[in-house]
PDB file of N, CA and C in Angstrom:
ATOM      1  N   UNK A   1       0.849  -1.177   0.000  1.00  0.00           N
ATOM      2  CA  UNK A   1       0.000   0.000   0.000  1.00  0.00           C
ATOM      3  C   UNK A   1       0.892   1.236   0.000  1.00  0.00           C
ATOM      4  N   UNK A   2       0.479   2.227  -0.741  1.00  0.00           N
ATOM      5  CA  UNK A   2       1.295   3.427  -0.818  1.00  0.00           C
ATOM      6  C   UNK A   2       0.787   4.507   0.126  1.00  0.00           C
ATOM      7  N   UNK A   3       1.718   5.269   0.641  1.00  0.00           N
ATOM      8  CA  UNK A   3       1.343   6.401   1.490  1.00  0.00           C
ATOM      9  C   UNK A   3       0.553   7.415   0.678  1.00  0.00           C
ATOM     10  N   UNK A   4       0.872   7.501  -0.611  1.00  0.00           N
ATOM     11  CA  UNK A   4       0.154   8.421  -1.488  1.00  0.00           C
ATOM     12  C   UNK A   4      -1.332   8.059  -1.537  1.00  0.00           C
ATOM     13  N   UNK A   5      -1.639   6.776  -1.631  1.00  0.00           N
ATOM     14  CA  UNK A   5      -3.037   6.331  -1.682  1.00  0.00           C
ATOM     15  C   UNK A   5      -3.738   6.602  -0.348  1.00  0.00           C
ATOM     16  N   UNK A   6      -3.055   6.366   0.759  1.00  0.00           N
ATOM     17  CA  UNK A   6      -3.642   6.647   2.072  1.00  0.00           C
ATOM     18  C   UNK A   6      -3.952   8.121   2.225  1.00  0.00           C
ATOM     19  N   UNK A   7      -3.010   8.960   1.835  1.00  0.00           N
ATOM     20  CA  UNK A   7      -3.199  10.405   1.929  1.00  0.00           C
ATOM     21  C   UNK A   7      -4.328  10.849   1.007  1.00  0.00           C
ATOM     22  N   UNK A   8      -4.337  10.331  -0.215  1.00  0.00           N
ATOM     23  CA  UNK A   8      -5.398  10.673  -1.165  1.00  0.00           C
ATOM     24  C   UNK A   8      -6.762  10.330  -0.581  1.00  0.00           C
ATOM     25  N   UNK A   9      -6.919   9.118  -0.066  1.00  0.00           N
ATOM     26  CA  UNK A   9      -8.201   8.669   0.461  1.00  0.00           C
ATOM     27  C   UNK A   9      -8.655   9.540   1.631  1.00  0.00           C
ATOM     28  N   UNK A  10      -7.755   9.832   2.547  1.00  0.00           N
ATOM     29  CA  UNK A  10      -8.109  10.657   3.709  1.00  0.00           C
ATOM     30  C   UNK A  10      -8.546  12.054   3.273  1.00  0.00           C
ATOM     31  N   UNK A  11      -7.794  12.659   2.382  1.00  0.00           N
ATOM     32  CA  UNK A  11      -8.135  13.999   1.915  1.00  0.00           C
ATOM     33  C   UNK A  11      -9.414  13.986   1.088  1.00  0.00           C
ATOM     34  N   UNK A  12      -9.586  12.946   0.278  1.00  0.00           N
ATOM     35  CA  UNK A  12     -10.778  12.844  -0.557  1.00  0.00           C
ATOM     36  C   UNK A  12     -12.024  12.739   0.318  1.00  0.00           C
ATOM     37  N   UNK A  13     -11.961  11.933   1.358  1.00  0.00           N
ATOM     38  CA  UNK A  13     -13.104  11.779   2.254  1.00  0.00           C
ATOM     39  C   UNK A  13     -13.459  13.097   2.927  1.00  0.00           C
ATOM     40  N   UNK A  14     -12.460  13.837   3.380  1.00  0.00           N
ATOM     41  CA  UNK A  14     -12.720  15.123   4.033  1.00  0.00           C
ATOM     42  C   UNK A  14     -13.430  16.071   3.071  1.00  0.00           C
ATOM     43  N   UNK A  15     -13.000  16.060   1.835  1.00  0.00           N
ATOM     44  CA  UNK A  15     -13.555  16.979   0.840  1.00  0.00           C
ATOM     45  C   UNK A  15     -14.940  16.568   0.336  1.00  0.00           C
ATOM     46  N   UNK A  16     -15.205  15.265   0.203  1.00  0.00           N
ATOM     47  CA  UNK A  16     -16.408  14.808  -0.491  1.00  0.00           C
ATOM     48  C   UNK A  16     -17.494  14.167   0.374  1.00  0.00           C
ATOM     49  N   UNK A  17     -17.150  13.670   1.532  1.00  0.00           N
ATOM     50  CA  UNK A  17     -18.140  12.951   2.342  1.00  0.00           C
ATOM     51  C   UNK A  17     -18.903  13.947   3.213  1.00  0.00           C
ATOM     52  N   UNK A  18     -20.191  14.000   2.997  1.00  0.00           N
ATOM     53  CA  UNK A  18     -21.079  14.881   3.748  1.00  0.00           C
ATOM     54  C   UNK A  18     -22.164  14.034   4.409  1.00  0.00           C
ATOM     55  N   UNK A  19     -22.837  14.605   5.372  1.00  0.00           N
ATOM     56  CA  UNK A  19     -23.896  13.901   6.091  1.00  0.00           C
ATOM     57  C   UNK A  19     -25.071  13.627   5.162  1.00  0.00           C
ATOM     58  N   UNK A  20     -25.565  12.393   5.216  1.00  0.00           N
ATOM     59  CA  UNK A  20     -26.785  12.021   4.502  1.00  0.00           C
ATOM     60  C   UNK A  20     -27.662  11.229   5.466  1.00  0.00           C
ATOM     61  N   UNK A  21     -28.931  11.117   5.132  1.00  0.00           N
ATOM     62  CA  UNK A  21     -29.854  10.342   5.967  1.00  0.00           C
ATOM     63  C   UNK A  21     -29.367   8.899   6.051  1.00  0.00           C
ATOM     64  N   UNK A  22     -29.558   8.302   7.190  1.00  0.00           N
ATOM     65  CA  UNK A  22     -29.113   6.917   7.380  1.00  0.00           C
ATOM     66  C   UNK A  22     -29.738   5.985   6.351  1.00  0.00           C
ATOM     67  N   UNK A  23     -30.964   6.245   5.958  1.00  0.00           N
ATOM     68  CA  UNK A  23     -31.631   5.385   4.975  1.00  0.00           C
ATOM     69  C   UNK A  23     -30.990   5.470   3.592  1.00  0.00           C
ATOM     70  N   UNK A  24     -30.205   6.514   3.340  1.00  0.00           N
ATOM     71  CA  UNK A  24     -29.561   6.711   2.036  1.00  0.00           C
ATOM     72  C   UNK A  24     -28.082   6.333   2.034  1.00  0.00           C
ATOM     73  N   UNK A  25     -27.566   5.908   3.167  1.00  0.00           N
ATOM     74  CA  UNK A  25     -26.111   5.716   3.285  1.00  0.00           C
ATOM     75  C   UNK A  25     -25.544   4.617   2.393  1.00  0.00           C
ATOM     76  N   UNK A  26     -26.228   3.505   2.269  1.00  0.00           N
ATOM     77  CA  UNK A  26     -25.681   2.413   1.448  1.00  0.00           C
ATOM     78  C   UNK A  26     -25.535   2.865   0.001  1.00  0.00           C
ATOM     79  N   UNK A  27     -26.563   3.506  -0.530  1.00  0.00           N
ATOM     80  CA  UNK A  27     -26.486   4.000  -1.909  1.00  0.00           C
ATOM     81  C   UNK A  27     -25.432   5.085  -2.051  1.00  0.00           C
ATOM     82  N   UNK A  28     -25.385   5.992  -1.086  1.00  0.00           N
ATOM     83  CA  UNK A  28     -24.406   7.075  -1.147  1.00  0.00           C
ATOM     84  C   UNK A  28     -22.981   6.524  -1.039  1.00  0.00           C
ATOM     85  N   UNK A  29     -22.777   5.521  -0.208  1.00  0.00           N
ATOM     86  CA  UNK A  29     -21.443   4.921  -0.072  1.00  0.00           C
ATOM     87  C   UNK A  29     -20.986   4.318  -1.397  1.00  0.00           C
ATOM     88  N   UNK A  30     -21.892   3.686  -2.115  1.00  0.00           N
ATOM     89  CA  UNK A  30     -21.542   3.117  -3.422  1.00  0.00           C
ATOM     90  C   UNK A  30     -21.185   4.224  -4.408  1.00  0.00           C
ATOM     91  N   UNK A  31     -21.975   5.293  -4.412  1.00  0.00           N
ATOM     92  CA  UNK A  31     -21.679   6.419  -5.317  1.00  0.00           C
ATOM     93  C   UNK A  31     -20.338   7.053  -4.969  1.00  0.00           C
ATOM     94  N   UNK A  32     -20.095   7.245  -3.674  1.00  0.00           N
ATOM     95  CA  UNK A  32     -18.832   7.832  -3.243  1.00  0.00           C
ATOM     96  C   UNK A  32     -17.644   6.951  -3.622  1.00  0.00           C
ATOM     97  N   UNK A  33     -17.787   5.648  -3.438  1.00  0.00           N
ATOM     98  CA  UNK A  33     -16.693   4.729  -3.769  1.00  0.00           C
ATOM     99  C   UNK A  33     -16.376   4.788  -5.262  1.00  0.00           C
ATOM    100  N   UNK A  34     -17.397   4.826  -6.096  1.00  0.00           N
ATOM    101  CA  UNK A  34     -17.178   4.909  -7.540  1.00  0.00           C
ATOM    102  C   UNK A  34     -16.486   6.217  -7.909  1.00  0.00           C
ATOM    103  N   UNK A  35     -16.973   7.302  -7.352  1.00  0.00           N
ATOM    104  CA  UNK A  35     -16.357   8.604  -7.654  1.00  0.00           C
ATOM    105  C   UNK A  35     -14.924   8.669  -7.147  1.00  0.00           C
ATOM    106  N   UNK A  36     -14.683   8.103  -5.979  1.00  0.00           N
ATOM    107  CA  UNK A  36     -13.334   8.084  -5.424  1.00  0.00           C
ATOM    108  C   UNK A  36     -12.391   7.299  -6.331  1.00  0.00           C
ATOM    109  N   UNK A  37     -12.848   6.148  -6.809  1.00  0.00           N
ATOM    110  CA  UNK A  37     -12.024   5.343  -7.732  1.00  0.00           C
ATOM    111  C   UNK A  37     -11.683   6.137  -8.990  1.00  0.00           C
ATOM    112  N   UNK A  38     -12.681   6.840  -9.526  1.00  0.00           N
ATOM    113  CA  UNK A  38     -12.446   7.634 -10.735  1.00  0.00           C
ATOM    114  C   UNK A  38     -11.441   8.749 -10.473  1.00  0.00           C
ATOM    115  N   UNK A  39     -11.613   9.445  -9.362  1.00  0.00           N
ATOM    116  CA  UNK A  39     -10.696  10.527  -9.020  1.00  0.00           C
ATOM    117  C   UNK A  39      -9.290  10.003  -8.735  1.00  0.00           C
ATOM    118  N   UNK A  40      -9.209   8.856  -8.073  1.00  0.00           N
ATOM    119  CA  UNK A  40      -7.904   8.253  -7.788  1.00  0.00           C
ATOM    120  C   UNK A  40      -7.190   7.887  -9.086  1.00  0.00           C
ATOM    121  N   UNK A  41      -7.926   7.316 -10.027  1.00  0.00           N
ATOM    122  CA  UNK A  41      -7.326   6.945 -11.308  1.00  0.00           C
ATOM    123  C   UNK A  41      -6.782   8.188 -12.016  1.00  0.00           C
ATOM    124  N   UNK A  42      -7.542   9.271 -11.983  1.00  0.00           N
ATOM    125  CA  UNK A  42      -7.078  10.523 -12.605  1.00  0.00           C
ATOM    126  C   UNK A  42      -5.838  11.063 -11.900  1.00  0.00           C
ATOM    127  N   UNK A  43      -5.717  10.777 -10.601  1.00  0.00           N
ATOM    128  CA  UNK A  43      -4.559  11.236  -9.824  1.00  0.00           C
ATOM    129  C   UNK A  43      -3.376  10.276  -9.940  1.00  0.00           C
ATOM    130  N   UNK A  44      -3.558   9.190 -10.708  1.00  0.00           N
ATOM    131  CA  UNK A  44      -2.463   8.246 -10.910  1.00  0.00           C
ATOM    132  C   UNK A  44      -2.328   7.207  -9.813  1.00  0.00           C
ATOM    133  N   UNK A  45      -3.377   7.003  -9.046  1.00  0.00           N
ATOM    134  CA  UNK A  45      -3.352   6.009  -7.967  1.00  0.00           C
ATOM    135  C   UNK A  45      -4.063   4.754  -8.457  1.00  0.00           C
ATOM    136  N   UNK A  46      -3.386   3.640  -8.345  1.00  0.00           N
ATOM    137  CA  UNK A  46      -3.958   2.391  -8.846  1.00  0.00           C
ATOM    138  C   UNK A  46      -5.119   1.925  -7.976  1.00  0.00           C
ATOM    139  N   UNK A  47      -5.989   1.169  -8.585  1.00  0.00           N
ATOM    140  CA  UNK A  47      -7.122   0.599  -7.864  1.00  0.00           C
ATOM    141  C   UNK A  47      -6.641  -0.297  -6.728  1.00  0.00           C
ATOM    142  N   UNK A  48      -5.559  -1.020  -6.955  1.00  0.00           N
ATOM    143  CA  UNK A  48      -5.008  -1.900  -5.925  1.00  0.00           C
ATOM    144  C   UNK A  48      -4.517  -1.107  -4.720  1.00  0.00           C
ATOM    145  N   UNK A  49      -3.823   0.005  -4.977  1.00  0.00           N
ATOM    146  CA  UNK A  49      -3.337   0.834  -3.869  1.00  0.00           C
ATOM    147  C   UNK A  49      -4.501   1.470  -3.111  1.00  0.00           C
ATOM    148  N   UNK A  50      -5.526   1.897  -3.851  1.00  0.00           N
ATOM    149  CA  UNK A  50      -6.691   2.487  -3.203  1.00  0.00           C
ATOM    150  C   UNK A  50      -7.406   1.454  -2.338  1.00  0.00           C
ATOM    151  N   UNK A  51      -7.564   0.248  -2.871  1.00  0.00           N
ATOM    152  CA  UNK A  51      -8.194  -0.822  -2.081  1.00  0.00           C
ATOM    153  C   UNK A  51      -7.390  -1.127  -0.826  1.00  0.00           C
ATOM    154  N   UNK A  52      -6.086  -1.140  -0.946  1.00  0.00           N
ATOM    155  CA  UNK A  52      -5.240  -1.405   0.220  1.00  0.00           C
ATOM    156  C   UNK A  52      -5.394  -0.291   1.257  1.00  0.00           C
ATOM    157  N   UNK A  53      -5.465   0.947   0.793  1.00  0.00           N
ATOM    158  CA  UNK A  53      -5.645   2.078   1.714  1.00  0.00           C
ATOM    159  C   UNK A  53      -6.989   1.982   2.432  1.00  0.00           C
ATOM    160  N   UNK A  54      -7.988   1.393   1.760  1.00  0.00           N
ATOM    161  CA  UNK A  54      -9.322   1.222   2.347  1.00  0.00           C
ATOM    162  C   UNK A  54      -9.464  -0.128   3.038  1.00  0.00           C
ATOM    163  N   UNK A  55      -8.347  -0.807   3.246  1.00  0.00           N
ATOM    164  CA  UNK A  55      -8.322  -2.120   3.899  1.00  0.00           C
ATOM    165  C   UNK A  55      -9.208  -3.125   3.179  1.00  0.00           C
ATOM    166  N   UNK A  56      -9.219  -3.026   1.854  1.00  0.00           N
ATOM    167  CA  UNK A  56      -9.911  -4.014   1.027  1.00  0.00           C
ATOM    168  C   UNK A  56     -11.404  -3.817   0.879  1.00  0.00           C
ATOM    169  N   UNK A  57     -11.947  -2.733   1.420  1.00  0.00           N
ATOM    170  CA  UNK A  57     -13.391  -2.532   1.357  1.00  0.00           C
ATOM    171  C   UNK A  57     -13.694  -1.045   1.233  1.00  0.00           C
ATOM    172  N   UNK A  58     -13.644  -0.533   0.014  1.00  0.00           N
ATOM    173  CA  UNK A  58     -13.842   0.894  -0.194  1.00  0.00           C
ATOM    174  C   UNK A  58     -15.261   1.326   0.159  1.00  0.00           C
ATOM    175  N   UNK A  59     -16.256   0.525  -0.169  1.00  0.00           N
ATOM    176  CA  UNK A  59     -17.639   0.886   0.176  1.00  0.00           C
ATOM    177  C   UNK A  59     -17.809   0.907   1.696  1.00  0.00           C
ATOM    178  N   UNK A  60     -17.272  -0.085   2.377  1.00  0.00           N
ATOM    179  CA  UNK A  60     -17.325  -0.095   3.839  1.00  0.00           C
ATOM    180  C   UNK A  60     -16.604   1.096   4.430  1.00  0.00           C
ATOM    181  N   UNK A  61     -15.506   1.470   3.812  1.00  0.00           N
ATOM    182  CA  UNK A  61     -14.756   2.637   4.251  1.00  0.00           C
ATOM    183  C   UNK A  61     -15.597   3.897   4.107  1.00  0.00           C
ATOM    184  N   UNK A  62     -16.331   4.000   3.004  1.00  0.00           N
ATOM    185  CA  UNK A  62     -17.201   5.163   2.785  1.00  0.00           C
ATOM    186  C   UNK A  62     -18.359   5.171   3.780  1.00  0.00           C
ATOM    187  N   UNK A  63     -18.900   4.001   4.098  1.00  0.00           N
ATOM    188  CA  UNK A  63     -19.947   3.929   5.112  1.00  0.00           C
ATOM    189  C   UNK A  63     -19.426   4.440   6.453  1.00  0.00           C
ATOM    190  N   UNK A  64     -18.222   4.037   6.799  1.00  0.00           N
ATOM    191  CA  UNK A  64     -17.618   4.503   8.046  1.00  0.00           C
ATOM    192  C   UNK A  64     -17.381   6.005   7.998  1.00  0.00           C
ATOM    193  N   UNK A  65     -16.954   6.515   6.862  1.00  0.00           N
ATOM    194  CA  UNK A  65     -16.735   7.954   6.727  1.00  0.00           C
ATOM    195  C   UNK A  65     -18.045   8.722   6.873  1.00  0.00           C
ATOM    196  N   UNK A  66     -19.137   8.169   6.353  1.00  0.00           N
ATOM    197  CA  UNK A  66     -20.446   8.800   6.519  1.00  0.00           C
ATOM    198  C   UNK A  66     -20.863   8.811   7.990  1.00  0.00           C
ATOM    199  N   UNK A  67     -20.619   7.713   8.692  1.00  0.00           N
ATOM    200  CA  UNK A  67     -20.897   7.658  10.130  1.00  0.00           C
ATOM    201  C   UNK A  67     -20.050   8.680  10.885  1.00  0.00           C
ATOM    202  N   UNK A  68     -18.779   8.763  10.518  1.00  0.00           N
ATOM    203  CA  UNK A  68     -17.877   9.712  11.175  1.00  0.00           C
ATOM    204  C   UNK A  68     -18.332  11.150  10.952  1.00  0.00           C
ATOM    205  N   UNK A  69     -18.814  11.456   9.743  1.00  0.00           N
ATOM    206  CA  UNK A  69     -19.292  12.809   9.441  1.00  0.00           C
ATOM    207  C   UNK A  69     -20.483  13.156  10.331  1.00  0.00           C
ATOM    208  N   UNK A  70     -21.379  12.192  10.515  1.00  0.00           N
ATOM    209  CA  UNK A  70     -22.533  12.423  11.378  1.00  0.00           C
ATOM    210  C   UNK A  70     -22.074  12.650  12.824  1.00  0.00           C
ATOM    211  N   UNK A  71     -21.139  11.832  13.289  1.00  0.00           N
ATOM    212  CA  UNK A  71     -20.647  11.959  14.656  1.00  0.00           C
ATOM    213  C   UNK A  71     -20.001  13.323  14.877  1.00  0.00           C
ATOM    214  N   UNK A  72     -19.179  13.768  13.910  1.00  0.00           N
ATOM    215  CA  UNK A  72     -18.534  15.079  14.046  1.00  0.00           C
ATOM    216  C   UNK A  72     -19.572  16.194  14.135  1.00  0.00           C
ATOM    217  N   UNK A  73     -20.627  16.089  13.323  1.00  0.00           N
ATOM    218  CA  UNK A  73     -21.680  17.115  13.359  1.00  0.00           C
ATOM    219  C   UNK A  73     -22.410  17.087  14.693  1.00  0.00           C
ATOM    220  N   UNK A  74     -22.712  15.916  15.199  1.00  0.00           N
ATOM    221  CA  UNK A  74     -23.380  15.811  16.499  1.00  0.00           C
ATOM    222  C   UNK A  74     -22.513  16.413  17.598  1.00  0.00           C
ATOM    223  N   UNK A  75     -21.210  16.173  17.533  1.00  0.00           N
ATOM    224  CA  UNK A  75     -20.282  16.707  18.523  1.00  0.00           C
ATOM    225  C   UNK A  75     -20.239  18.234  18.444  1.00  0.00           C
ATOM    226  N   UNK A  76     -20.178  18.782  17.225  1.00  0.00           N
ATOM    227  CA  UNK A  76     -20.180  20.235  17.067  1.00  0.00           C
ATOM    228  C   UNK A  76     -21.481  20.835  17.600  1.00  0.00           C
ATOM    229  N   UNK A  77     -22.591  20.177  17.314  1.00  0.00           N
ATOM    230  CA  UNK A  77     -23.885  20.655  17.809  1.00  0.00           C
ATOM    231  C   UNK A  77     -23.918  20.639  19.332  1.00  0.00           C
ATOM    232  N   UNK A  78     -23.365  19.600  19.927  1.00  0.00           N
ATOM    233  CA  UNK A  78     -23.332  19.485  21.382  1.00  0.00           C
ATOM    234  C   UNK A  78     -22.479  20.609  21.978  1.00  0.00           C
ATOM    235  N   UNK A  79     -21.328  20.855  21.390  1.00  0.00           N
ATOM    236  CA  UNK A  79     -20.467  21.931  21.888  1.00  0.00           C
ATOM    237  C   UNK A  79     -21.156  23.288  21.755  1.00  0.00           C
ATOM    238  N   UNK A  80     -21.849  23.498  20.650  1.00  0.00           N
ATOM    239  CA  UNK A  80     -22.556  24.760  20.459  1.00  0.00           C
ATOM    240  C   UNK A  80     -23.654  24.913  21.495  1.00  0.00           C
ATOM    241  N   UNK A  81     -24.335  23.830  21.821  1.00  0.00           N
ATOM    242  CA  UNK A  81     -25.378  23.870  22.846  1.00  0.00           C
ATOM    243  C   UNK A  81     -24.817  24.195  24.213  1.00  0.00           C
ATOM    244  N   UNK A  82     -23.642  23.676  24.516  1.00  0.00           N
ATOM    245  CA  UNK A  82     -23.011  23.961  25.804  1.00  0.00           C
ATOM    246  C   UNK A  82     -22.562  25.411  25.879  1.00  0.00           C
ATOM    247  N   UNK A  83     -22.128  25.951  24.764  1.00  0.00           N
ATOM    248  CA  UNK A  83     -21.665  27.349  24.744  1.00  0.00           C
ATOM    249  C   UNK A  83     -22.822  28.303  24.985  1.00  0.00           C
ATOM    250  N   UNK A  84     -24.028  27.899  24.602  1.00  0.00           N
ATOM    251  CA  UNK A  84     -25.196  28.745  24.789  1.00  0.00           C
ATOM    252  C   UNK A  84     -25.659  28.763  26.245  1.00  0.00           C
ATOM    253  N   UNK A  85     -25.324  27.727  26.987  1.00  0.00           N
ATOM    254  CA  UNK A  85     -25.768  27.633  28.386  1.00  0.00           C
ATOM    255  C   UNK A  85     -25.050  28.560  29.308  1.00  0.00           C
TER     256      UNK A  85
END
């Protein structure tokens, strides 16, 4: 696995993964994985390196990124609520 692929995947997720309804996550994860593969190919990152960076499951990785995005938003909302008190 290349460090370039790991860095690409991490940065790509930050830029492209946004909160979606839980009922839409499976479909969105598939769309995100396809778009990520296309963008990685344009950046010169092989599909094999990208898969290795995603630990062999790019769709699962995108699902986790969607969950993480929701968690970060909930945390920010909680902090904002505490600041108002």
